C-alpha atoms as a PDB file:
ATOM      1  CA  UNK A   1     170.747 -40.453  39.021  1.00  0.00           C
ATOM      2  CA  UNK A   2     170.414 -43.768  37.746  1.00  0.00           C
ATOM      3  CA  UNK A   3     170.338 -46.409  41.019  1.00  0.00           C
ATOM      4  CA  UNK A   4     170.763 -49.786  41.222  1.00  0.00           C
ATOM      5  CA  UNK A   5     168.951 -52.199  43.748  1.00  0.00           C
ATOM      6  CA  UNK A   6     170.389 -55.492  45.036  1.00  0.00           C
ATOM      7  CA  UNK A   7     169.389 -57.871  47.483  1.00  0.00           C
ATOM      8  CA  UNK A   8     172.325 -58.961  49.711  1.00  0.00           C
ATOM      9  CA  UNK A   9     172.393 -61.742  52.648  1.00  0.00           C
ATOM     10  CA  UNK A  10     174.401 -61.696  55.465  1.00  0.00           C
ATOM     11  CA  UNK A  11     177.397 -64.265  55.585  1.00  0.00           C
ATOM     12  CA  UNK A  12     180.060 -65.486  57.870  1.00  0.00           C
ATOM     13  CA  UNK A  13     183.180 -63.896  57.008  1.00  0.00           C
ATOM     14  CA  UNK A  14     184.976 -67.512  57.395  1.00  0.00           C
ATOM     15  CA  UNK A  15     182.665 -68.518  54.384  1.00  0.00           C
ATOM     16  CA  UNK A  16     185.148 -69.545  51.515  1.00  0.00           C
ATOM     17  CA  UNK A  17     184.342 -67.682  48.264  1.00  0.00           C
ATOM     18  CA  UNK A  18     184.607 -70.827  46.599  1.00  0.00           C
ATOM     19  CA  UNK A  19     181.914 -72.374  48.575  1.00  0.00           C
ATOM     20  CA  UNK A  20     179.593 -68.982  47.966  1.00  0.00           C
ATOM     21  CA  UNK A  21     180.319 -69.315  44.375  1.00  0.00           C
ATOM     22  CA  UNK A  22     179.356 -72.644  43.967  1.00  0.00           C
ATOM     23  CA  UNK A  23     175.824 -71.890  45.588  1.00  0.00           C
ATOM     24  CA  UNK A  24     175.679 -69.178  43.066  1.00  0.00           C
ATOM     25  CA  UNK A  25     176.458 -66.322  45.374  1.00  0.00           C
ATOM     26  CA  UNK A  26     179.450 -63.854  45.022  1.00  0.00           C
ATOM     27  CA  UNK A  27     180.995 -62.528  48.070  1.00  0.00           C
ATOM     28  CA  UNK A  28     181.283 -58.888  48.943  1.00  0.00           C
ATOM     29  CA  UNK A  29     181.906 -56.575  52.036  1.00  0.00           C
ATOM     30  CA  UNK A  30     179.989 -53.162  52.516  1.00  0.00           C
ATOM     31  CA  UNK A  31     182.170 -50.492  54.658  1.00  0.00           C
ATOM     32  CA  UNK A  32     182.121 -46.993  55.650  1.00  0.00           C
ATOM     33  CA  UNK A  33     182.728 -44.322  58.078  1.00  0.00           C
ATOM     34  CA  UNK A  34     180.655 -44.626  61.173  1.00  0.00           C
ATOM     35  CA  UNK A  35     179.390 -47.905  60.232  1.00  0.00           C
ATOM     36  CA  UNK A  36     180.558 -51.538  60.972  1.00  0.00           C
ATOM     37  CA  UNK A  37     182.054 -53.607  58.251  1.00  0.00           C
ATOM     38  CA  UNK A  38     179.295 -55.969  56.994  1.00  0.00           C
ATOM     39  CA  UNK A  39     180.049 -59.271  54.947  1.00  0.00           C
ATOM     40  CA  UNK A  40     177.562 -60.025  52.275  1.00  0.00           C
ATOM     41  CA  UNK A  41     176.740 -62.236  49.391  1.00  0.00           C
ATOM     42  CA  UNK A  42     175.207 -61.227  46.314  1.00  0.00           C
ATOM     43  CA  UNK A  43     173.454 -63.370  43.697  1.00  0.00           C
ATOM     44  CA  UNK A  44     175.734 -63.911  41.079  1.00  0.00           C
ATOM     45  CA  UNK A  45     173.360 -63.761  38.031  1.00  0.00           C
ATOM     46  CA  UNK A  46     172.295 -59.835  38.980  1.00  0.00           C
ATOM     47  CA  UNK A  47     175.734 -58.802  39.787  1.00  0.00           C
ATOM     48  CA  UNK A  48     176.865 -59.997  36.456  1.00  0.00           C
ATOM     49  CA  UNK A  49     173.959 -58.827  34.844  1.00  0.00           C
ATOM     50  CA  UNK A  50     174.751 -55.168  36.235  1.00  0.00           C
ATOM     51  CA  UNK A  51     178.419 -55.551  35.910  1.00  0.00           C
ATOM     52  CA  UNK A  52     178.349 -53.522  32.240  1.00  0.00           C
ATOM     53  CA  UNK A  53     175.966 -50.847  33.534  1.00  0.00           C
ATOM     54  CA  UNK A  54     177.724 -49.580  36.455  1.00  0.00           C
ATOM     55  CA  UNK A  55     180.167 -46.739  37.107  1.00  0.00           C
ATOM     56  CA  UNK A  56     182.003 -45.699  39.934  1.00  0.00           C
ATOM     57  CA  UNK A  57     179.229 -42.992  40.151  1.00  0.00           C
ATOM     58  CA  UNK A  58     176.499 -44.990  40.054  1.00  0.00           C
ATOM     59  CA  UNK A  59     174.884 -45.704  43.232  1.00  0.00           C
ATOM     60  CA  UNK A  60     173.711 -49.110  44.389  1.00  0.00           C
ATOM     61  CA  UNK A  61     170.945 -49.752  46.776  1.00  0.00           C
ATOM     62  CA  UNK A  62     171.349 -52.939  49.343  1.00  0.00           C
ATOM     63  CA  UNK A  63     168.791 -54.210  51.065  1.00  0.00           C
ATOM     64  CA  UNK A  64     169.728 -56.465  53.611  1.00  0.00           C
ATOM     65  CA  UNK A  65     167.823 -57.674  56.459  1.00  0.00           C
ATOM     66  CA  UNK A  66     165.051 -55.310  56.322  1.00  0.00           C
ATOM     67  CA  UNK A  67     167.353 -52.098  55.896  1.00  0.00           C
ATOM     68  CA  UNK A  68     168.866 -50.406  52.798  1.00  0.00           C
ATOM     69  CA  UNK A  69     172.435 -49.312  52.419  1.00  0.00           C
ATOM     70  CA  UNK A  70     173.348 -47.112  49.681  1.00  0.00           C
ATOM     71  CA  UNK A  71     176.819 -48.028  48.351  1.00  0.00           C
ATOM     72  CA  UNK A  72     178.896 -47.229  45.445  1.00  0.00           C
ATOM     73  CA  UNK A  73     181.003 -49.730  43.440  1.00  0.00           C
ATOM     74  CA  UNK A  74     184.725 -49.697  44.897  1.00  0.00           C
ATOM     75  CA  UNK A  75     186.502 -52.602  43.672  1.00  0.00           C
ATOM     76  CA  UNK A  76     186.223 -55.767  41.818  1.00  0.00           C
ATOM     77  CA  UNK A  77     188.521 -58.866  42.164  1.00  0.00           C
ATOM     78  CA  UNK A  78     188.309 -61.851  39.548  1.00  0.00           C
ATOM     79  CA  UNK A  79     188.660 -65.452  39.786  1.00  0.00           C
ATOM     80  CA  UNK A  80     191.220 -66.196  36.845  1.00  0.00           C
ATOM     81  CA  UNK A  81     189.386 -69.692  36.548  1.00  0.00           C
ATOM     82  CA  UNK A  82     185.916 -68.478  36.348  1.00  0.00           C
END
């Protein structure tokens, strides 16, 4: 199975998406059964690089604060301006 690794940074859920994008980051959310929802940000260049290679069944390993989370891309929201 193909697997992609991404390094995530924790973020305050109040941080505006526009501010993150101006810093070269993309806001994201990690959630699942039996876990607390985590707001994160990802490097914009890395995310754009993998977007064409990722399907809903592609396993993504998120490294966050020394922990690894196995994830799948559930949905993408795009900014019409960018």
